[in-house]
Amino acid sequence: MSLDEQVSKILKNFENATSNEIIDVLKQIQPQFKSNLTSEYLNGKIQKILELDDESEKKKQCKALIPYLDWYLQGL
C-alpha cells in the first residue's frame, strides 16, 4: 500500500486506526515537509505521544495532527 493510500485510509476511518498506525504514517511523511521547523515540531509531538501509556489519550493527541495528513495529500 502506498503512502498516499495509507494516509487516505486513516483519514477516512480515523476512529478505527490505531495510534501506532497513525504515528507510523506521520513519521513517513515528516521528512517530506519543506520547512525544518515544521518537521521538528511534528517530531516533538510524535515523541510526546509515544511517551503516553493510555491508548485513548494517544488517539486524542493524534487527532490534533490530522492537518499534517491533509497537507500531505494536498501536496505539502
PDB file of N, CA and C in Angstrom:
ATOM      1  N   MET A   1       0.857  -1.184   0.000  1.00  0.00           N
ATOM      2  CA  MET A   1       0.000   0.000   0.000  1.00  0.00           C
ATOM      3  C   MET A   1       0.897   1.240   0.000  1.00  0.00           C
ATOM      4  N   SER A   2       0.607   2.148  -0.899  1.00  0.00           N
ATOM      5  CA  SER A   2       1.414   3.365  -0.987  1.00  0.00           C
ATOM      6  C   SER A   2       1.139   4.282   0.203  1.00  0.00           C
ATOM      7  N   LEU A   3       2.025   5.224   0.392  1.00  0.00           N
ATOM      8  CA  LEU A   3       1.862   6.178   1.492  1.00  0.00           C
ATOM      9  C   LEU A   3       0.580   6.992   1.311  1.00  0.00           C
ATOM     10  N   ASP A   4       0.292   7.393   0.071  1.00  0.00           N
ATOM     11  CA  ASP A   4      -0.950   8.129  -0.198  1.00  0.00           C
ATOM     12  C   ASP A   4      -2.166   7.320   0.231  1.00  0.00           C
ATOM     13  N   GLU A   5      -2.145   6.032  -0.088  1.00  0.00           N
ATOM     14  CA  GLU A   5      -3.262   5.154   0.272  1.00  0.00           C
ATOM     15  C   GLU A   5      -3.378   5.000   1.783  1.00  0.00           C
ATOM     16  N   GLN A   6      -2.246   4.899   2.457  1.00  0.00           N
ATOM     17  CA  GLN A   6      -2.259   4.779   3.917  1.00  0.00           C
ATOM     18  C   GLN A   6      -2.848   6.029   4.563  1.00  0.00           C
ATOM     19  N   VAL A   7      -2.433   7.190   4.078  1.00  0.00           N
ATOM     20  CA  VAL A   7      -2.933   8.456   4.614  1.00  0.00           C
ATOM     21  C   VAL A   7      -4.433   8.566   4.366  1.00  0.00           C
ATOM     22  N   SER A   8      -4.869   8.246   3.168  1.00  0.00           N
ATOM     23  CA  SER A   8      -6.291   8.314   2.833  1.00  0.00           C
ATOM     24  C   SER A   8      -7.106   7.369   3.699  1.00  0.00           C
ATOM     25  N   LYS A   9      -6.582   6.163   3.902  1.00  0.00           N
ATOM     26  CA  LYS A   9      -7.277   5.167   4.725  1.00  0.00           C
ATOM     27  C   LYS A   9      -7.457   5.689   6.160  1.00  0.00           C
ATOM     28  N   ILE A  10      -6.427   6.280   6.707  1.00  0.00           N
ATOM     29  CA  ILE A  10      -6.504   6.811   8.077  1.00  0.00           C
ATOM     30  C   ILE A  10      -7.502   7.958   8.146  1.00  0.00           C
ATOM     31  N   LEU A  11      -7.454   8.849   7.173  1.00  0.00           N
ATOM     32  CA  LEU A  11      -8.369   9.987   7.187  1.00  0.00           C
ATOM     33  C   LEU A  11      -9.829   9.549   7.040  1.00  0.00           C
ATOM     34  N   LYS A  12     -10.069   8.535   6.241  1.00  0.00           N
ATOM     35  CA  LYS A  12     -11.436   8.056   6.015  1.00  0.00           C
ATOM     36  C   LYS A  12     -11.981   7.280   7.208  1.00  0.00           C
ATOM     37  N   ASN A  13     -11.084   6.635   7.937  1.00  0.00           N
ATOM     38  CA  ASN A  13     -11.530   5.767   9.032  1.00  0.00           C
ATOM     39  C   ASN A  13     -10.658   5.989  10.273  1.00  0.00           C
ATOM     40  N   PHE A  14     -10.546   7.246  10.678  1.00  0.00           N
ATOM     41  CA  PHE A  14      -9.648   7.625  11.772  1.00  0.00           C
ATOM     42  C   PHE A  14      -9.949   6.867  13.068  1.00  0.00           C
ATOM     43  N   GLU A  15     -11.219   6.716  13.381  1.00  0.00           N
ATOM     44  CA  GLU A  15     -11.605   6.094  14.654  1.00  0.00           C
ATOM     45  C   GLU A  15     -11.135   4.647  14.772  1.00  0.00           C
ATOM     46  N   ASN A  16     -10.981   3.948  13.643  1.00  0.00           N
ATOM     47  CA  ASN A  16     -10.558   2.547  13.684  1.00  0.00           C
ATOM     48  C   ASN A  16      -9.059   2.363  13.495  1.00  0.00           C
ATOM     49  N   ALA A  17      -8.342   3.440  13.240  1.00  0.00           N
ATOM     50  CA  ALA A  17      -6.884   3.355  13.112  1.00  0.00           C
ATOM     51  C   ALA A  17      -6.263   3.392  14.507  1.00  0.00           C
ATOM     52  N   THR A  18      -5.195   2.646  14.687  1.00  0.00           N
ATOM     53  CA  THR A  18      -4.508   2.678  15.979  1.00  0.00           C
ATOM     54  C   THR A  18      -3.545   3.870  16.003  1.00  0.00           C
ATOM     55  N   SER A  19      -3.186   4.287  17.198  1.00  0.00           N
ATOM     56  CA  SER A  19      -2.234   5.394  17.315  1.00  0.00           C
ATOM     57  C   SER A  19      -0.905   5.008  16.667  1.00  0.00           C
ATOM     58  N   ASN A  20      -0.517   3.748  16.765  1.00  0.00           N
ATOM     59  CA  ASN A  20       0.742   3.300  16.156  1.00  0.00           C
ATOM     60  C   ASN A  20       0.699   3.420  14.636  1.00  0.00           C
ATOM     61  N   GLU A  21      -0.443   3.095  14.024  1.00  0.00           N
ATOM     62  CA  GLU A  21      -0.579   3.241  12.577  1.00  0.00           C
ATOM     63  C   GLU A  21      -0.463   4.714  12.179  1.00  0.00           C
ATOM     64  N   ILE A  22      -1.125   5.570  12.926  1.00  0.00           N
ATOM     65  CA  ILE A  22      -1.110   7.000  12.632  1.00  0.00           C
ATOM     66  C   ILE A  22       0.299   7.556  12.777  1.00  0.00           C
ATOM     67  N   ILE A  23       0.965   7.203  13.858  1.00  0.00           N
ATOM     68  CA  ILE A  23       2.323   7.687  14.105  1.00  0.00           C
ATOM     69  C   ILE A  23       3.284   7.174  13.041  1.00  0.00           C
ATOM     70  N   ASP A  24       3.120   5.918  12.641  1.00  0.00           N
ATOM     71  CA  ASP A  24       3.980   5.355  11.597  1.00  0.00           C
ATOM     72  C   ASP A  24       3.860   6.159  10.308  1.00  0.00           C
ATOM     73  N   VAL A  25       2.643   6.501   9.917  1.00  0.00           N
ATOM     74  CA  VAL A  25       2.427   7.285   8.702  1.00  0.00           C
ATOM     75  C   VAL A  25       2.985   8.699   8.870  1.00  0.00           C
ATOM     76  N   LEU A  26       2.772   9.296  10.025  1.00  0.00           N
ATOM     77  CA  LEU A  26       3.303  10.640  10.271  1.00  0.00           C
ATOM     78  C   LEU A  26       4.826  10.656  10.176  1.00  0.00           C
ATOM     79  N   LYS A  27       5.467   9.611  10.688  1.00  0.00           N
ATOM     80  CA  LYS A  27       6.925   9.526  10.600  1.00  0.00           C
ATOM     81  C   LYS A  27       7.389   9.420   9.154  1.00  0.00           C
ATOM     82  N   GLN A  28       6.590   8.755   8.316  1.00  0.00           N
ATOM     83  CA  GLN A  28       6.955   8.607   6.913  1.00  0.00           C
ATOM     84  C   GLN A  28       6.810   9.913   6.138  1.00  0.00           C
ATOM     85  N   ILE A  29       5.835  10.731   6.510  1.00  0.00           N
ATOM     86  CA  ILE A  29       5.646  11.990   5.771  1.00  0.00           C
ATOM     87  C   ILE A  29       6.484  13.128   6.342  1.00  0.00           C
ATOM     88  N   GLN A  30       6.941  12.988   7.571  1.00  0.00           N
ATOM     89  CA  GLN A  30       7.689  14.052   8.249  1.00  0.00           C
ATOM     90  C   GLN A  30       8.879  14.575   7.438  1.00  0.00           C
ATOM     91  N   PRO A  31       9.724  13.722   6.866  1.00  0.00           N
ATOM     92  CA  PRO A  31      10.880  14.235   6.121  1.00  0.00           C
ATOM     93  C   PRO A  31      10.503  14.993   4.841  1.00  0.00           C
ATOM     94  N   GLN A  32       9.261  14.871   4.408  1.00  0.00           N
ATOM     95  CA  GLN A  32       8.843  15.500   3.158  1.00  0.00           C
ATOM     96  C   GLN A  32       8.402  16.953   3.322  1.00  0.00           C
ATOM     97  N   PHE A  33       8.256  17.404   4.556  1.00  0.00           N
ATOM     98  CA  PHE A  33       7.893  18.803   4.772  1.00  0.00           C
ATOM     99  C   PHE A  33       9.068  19.691   4.384  1.00  0.00           C
ATOM    100  N   LYS A  34       8.771  20.776   3.710  1.00  0.00           N
ATOM    101  CA  LYS A  34       9.821  21.667   3.210  1.00  0.00           C
ATOM    102  C   LYS A  34      10.490  22.464   4.316  1.00  0.00           C
ATOM    103  N   SER A  35       9.764  22.724   5.378  1.00  0.00           N
ATOM    104  CA  SER A  35      10.292  23.506   6.491  1.00  0.00           C
ATOM    105  C   SER A  35      10.840  22.591   7.580  1.00  0.00           C
ATOM    106  N   ASN A  36      12.111  22.816   7.937  1.00  0.00           N
ATOM    107  CA  ASN A  36      12.691  22.043   9.042  1.00  0.00           C
ATOM    108  C   ASN A  36      11.947  22.304  10.339  1.00  0.00           C
ATOM    109  N   LEU A  37      11.480  23.516  10.526  1.00  0.00           N
ATOM    110  CA  LEU A  37      10.750  23.869  11.737  1.00  0.00           C
ATOM    111  C   LEU A  37       9.475  23.031  11.859  1.00  0.00           C
ATOM    112  N   THR A  38       8.754  22.882  10.759  1.00  0.00           N
ATOM    113  CA  THR A  38       7.535  22.072  10.756  1.00  0.00           C
ATOM    114  C   THR A  38       7.869  20.624  11.066  1.00  0.00           C
ATOM    115  N   SER A  39       8.904  20.103  10.447  1.00  0.00           N
ATOM    116  CA  SER A  39       9.318  18.721  10.655  1.00  0.00           C
ATOM    117  C   SER A  39       9.746  18.481  12.105  1.00  0.00           C
ATOM    118  N   GLU A  40      10.499  19.415  12.660  1.00  0.00           N
ATOM    119  CA  GLU A  40      10.953  19.294  14.051  1.00  0.00           C
ATOM    120  C   GLU A  40       9.780  19.385  15.024  1.00  0.00           C
ATOM    121  N   TYR A  41       8.824  20.277  14.747  1.00  0.00           N
ATOM    122  CA  TYR A  41       7.647  20.419  15.595  1.00  0.00           C
ATOM    123  C   TYR A  41       6.853  19.109  15.597  1.00  0.00           C
ATOM    124  N   LEU A  42       6.641  18.548  14.409  1.00  0.00           N
ATOM    125  CA  LEU A  42       5.907  17.295  14.302  1.00  0.00           C
ATOM    126  C   LEU A  42       6.644  16.184  15.038  1.00  0.00           C
ATOM    127  N   ASN A  43       7.955  16.146  14.915  1.00  0.00           N
ATOM    128  CA  ASN A  43       8.743  15.134  15.620  1.00  0.00           C
ATOM    129  C   ASN A  43       8.556  15.252  17.130  1.00  0.00           C
ATOM    130  N   GLY A  44       8.548  16.461  17.651  1.00  0.00           N
ATOM    131  CA  GLY A  44       8.325  16.671  19.083  1.00  0.00           C
ATOM    132  C   GLY A  44       6.964  16.173  19.519  1.00  0.00           C
ATOM    133  N   LYS A  45       5.943  16.438  18.706  1.00  0.00           N
ATOM    134  CA  LYS A  45       4.584  15.977  19.015  1.00  0.00           C
ATOM    135  C   LYS A  45       4.516  14.445  19.009  1.00  0.00           C
ATOM    136  N   ILE A  46       5.167  13.838  18.034  1.00  0.00           N
ATOM    137  CA  ILE A  46       5.184  12.371  17.944  1.00  0.00           C
ATOM    138  C   ILE A  46       5.855  11.778  19.177  1.00  0.00           C
ATOM    139  N   GLN A  47       6.983  12.353  19.580  1.00  0.00           N
ATOM    140  CA  GLN A  47       7.700  11.836  20.750  1.00  0.00           C
ATOM    141  C   GLN A  47       6.844  11.916  22.015  1.00  0.00           C
ATOM    142  N   LYS A  48       6.109  13.024  22.170  1.00  0.00           N
ATOM    143  CA  LYS A  48       5.240  13.166  23.347  1.00  0.00           C
ATOM    144  C   LYS A  48       4.129  12.126  23.334  1.00  0.00           C
ATOM    145  N   ILE A  49       3.587  11.831  22.155  1.00  0.00           N
ATOM    146  CA  ILE A  49       2.540  10.818  22.053  1.00  0.00           C
ATOM    147  C   ILE A  49       3.098   9.442  22.399  1.00  0.00           C
ATOM    148  N   LEU A  50       4.297   9.146  21.928  1.00  0.00           N
ATOM    149  CA  LEU A  50       4.910   7.847  22.193  1.00  0.00           C
ATOM    150  C   LEU A  50       5.175   7.627  23.684  1.00  0.00           C
ATOM    151  N   GLU A  51       5.345   8.701  24.422  1.00  0.00           N
ATOM    152  CA  GLU A  51       5.606   8.591  25.856  1.00  0.00           C
ATOM    153  C   GLU A  51       4.344   8.286  26.660  1.00  0.00           C
ATOM    154  N   LEU A  52       3.180   8.476  26.063  1.00  0.00           N
ATOM    155  CA  LEU A  52       1.923   8.227  26.762  1.00  0.00           C
ATOM    156  C   LEU A  52       1.654   6.725  26.855  1.00  0.00           C
ATOM    157  N   ASP A  53       0.953   6.319  27.923  1.00  0.00           N
ATOM    158  CA  ASP A  53       0.611   4.915  28.106  1.00  0.00           C
ATOM    159  C   ASP A  53      -0.822   4.602  27.680  1.00  0.00           C
ATOM    160  N   ASP A  54      -1.697   5.568  27.807  1.00  0.00           N
ATOM    161  CA  ASP A  54      -3.121   5.367  27.552  1.00  0.00           C
ATOM    162  C   ASP A  54      -3.443   5.521  26.059  1.00  0.00           C
ATOM    163  N   GLU A  55      -3.980   4.456  25.448  1.00  0.00           N
ATOM    164  CA  GLU A  55      -4.281   4.476  24.013  1.00  0.00           C
ATOM    165  C   GLU A  55      -5.303   5.556  23.670  1.00  0.00           C
ATOM    166  N   SER A  56      -6.290   5.761  24.518  1.00  0.00           N
ATOM    167  CA  SER A  56      -7.298   6.780  24.200  1.00  0.00           C
ATOM    168  C   SER A  56      -6.691   8.182  24.222  1.00  0.00           C
ATOM    169  N   GLU A  57      -5.743   8.419  25.106  1.00  0.00           N
ATOM    170  CA  GLU A  57      -5.058   9.721  25.137  1.00  0.00           C
ATOM    171  C   GLU A  57      -4.153   9.867  23.913  1.00  0.00           C
ATOM    172  N   LYS A  58      -3.512   8.782  23.515  1.00  0.00           N
ATOM    173  CA  LYS A  58      -2.677   8.816  22.311  1.00  0.00           C
ATOM    174  C   LYS A  58      -3.522   9.188  21.095  1.00  0.00           C
ATOM    175  N   LYS A  59      -4.702   8.557  20.974  1.00  0.00           N
ATOM    176  CA  LYS A  59      -5.589   8.843  19.838  1.00  0.00           C
ATOM    177  C   LYS A  59      -6.044  10.299  19.866  1.00  0.00           C
ATOM    178  N   LYS A  60      -6.329  10.803  21.062  1.00  0.00           N
ATOM    179  CA  LYS A  60      -6.751  12.200  21.206  1.00  0.00           C
ATOM    180  C   LYS A  60      -5.651  13.131  20.704  1.00  0.00           C
ATOM    181  N   GLN A  61      -4.417  12.845  21.078  1.00  0.00           N
ATOM    182  CA  GLN A  61      -3.286  13.659  20.644  1.00  0.00           C
ATOM    183  C   GLN A  61      -3.039  13.499  19.136  1.00  0.00           C
ATOM    184  N   CYS A  62      -3.220  12.284  18.620  1.00  0.00           N
ATOM    185  CA  CYS A  62      -3.054  12.044  17.184  1.00  0.00           C
ATOM    186  C   CYS A  62      -4.095  12.819  16.376  1.00  0.00           C
ATOM    187  N   LYS A  63      -5.288  12.935  16.929  1.00  0.00           N
ATOM    188  CA  LYS A  63      -6.358  13.640  16.224  1.00  0.00           C
ATOM    189  C   LYS A  63      -5.959  15.092  15.945  1.00  0.00           C
ATOM    190  N   ALA A  64      -5.187  15.678  16.845  1.00  0.00           N
ATOM    191  CA  ALA A  64      -4.731  17.064  16.660  1.00  0.00           C
ATOM    192  C   ALA A  64      -3.721  17.176  15.508  1.00  0.00           C
ATOM    193  N   LEU A  65      -3.194  16.045  15.057  1.00  0.00           N
ATOM    194  CA  LEU A  65      -2.198  16.055  13.990  1.00  0.00           C
ATOM    195  C   LEU A  65      -2.790  15.735  12.609  1.00  0.00           C
ATOM    196  N   ILE A  66      -4.088  15.607  12.538  1.00  0.00           N
ATOM    197  CA  ILE A  66      -4.758  15.333  11.256  1.00  0.00           C
ATOM    198  C   ILE A  66      -4.386  16.350  10.174  1.00  0.00           C
ATOM    199  N   PRO A  67      -4.237  17.639  10.496  1.00  0.00           N
ATOM    200  CA  PRO A  67      -3.861  18.585   9.427  1.00  0.00           C
ATOM    201  C   PRO A  67      -2.578  18.201   8.686  1.00  0.00           C
ATOM    202  N   TYR A  68      -1.645  17.551   9.352  1.00  0.00           N
ATOM    203  CA  TYR A  68      -0.422  17.120   8.682  1.00  0.00           C
ATOM    204  C   TYR A  68      -0.734  16.081   7.615  1.00  0.00           C
ATOM    205  N   LEU A  69      -1.689  15.205   7.887  1.00  0.00           N
ATOM    206  CA  LEU A  69      -2.101  14.207   6.905  1.00  0.00           C
ATOM    207  C   LEU A  69      -2.786  14.879   5.724  1.00  0.00           C
ATOM    208  N   ASP A  70      -3.634  15.855   6.028  1.00  0.00           N
ATOM    209  CA  ASP A  70      -4.311  16.619   4.973  1.00  0.00           C
ATOM    210  C   ASP A  70      -3.303  17.356   4.095  1.00  0.00           C
ATOM    211  N   TRP A  71      -2.322  17.998   4.721  1.00  0.00           N
ATOM    212  CA  TRP A  71      -1.291  18.733   3.981  1.00  0.00           C
ATOM    213  C   TRP A  71      -0.545  17.796   3.045  1.00  0.00           C
ATOM    214  N   TYR A  72      -0.240  16.605   3.541  1.00  0.00           N
ATOM    215  CA  TYR A  72       0.480  15.652   2.721  1.00  0.00           C
ATOM    216  C   TYR A  72      -0.311  15.325   1.446  1.00  0.00           C
ATOM    217  N   LEU A  73      -1.588  15.047   1.612  1.00  0.00           N
ATOM    218  CA  LEU A  73      -2.418  14.696   0.452  1.00  0.00           C
ATOM    219  C   LEU A  73      -2.601  15.868  -0.509  1.00  0.00           C
ATOM    220  N   GLN A  74      -2.512  17.070   0.009  1.00  0.00           N
ATOM    221  CA  GLN A  74      -2.670  18.257  -0.832  1.00  0.00           C
ATOM    222  C   GLN A  74      -1.364  18.653  -1.516  1.00  0.00           C
ATOM    223  N   GLY A  75      -0.305  17.897  -1.258  1.00  0.00           N
ATOM    224  CA  GLY A  75       0.961  18.153  -1.937  1.00  0.00           C
ATOM    225  C   GLY A  75       1.921  18.999  -1.125  1.00  0.00           C
ATOM    226  N   LEU A  76       1.723  19.053   0.185  1.00  0.00           N
ATOM    227  CA  LEU A  76       2.574  19.819   1.086  1.00  0.00           C
ATOM    228  C   LEU A  76       2.675  21.231   0.592  1.00  0.00           C
TER     229      LEU A  76
END
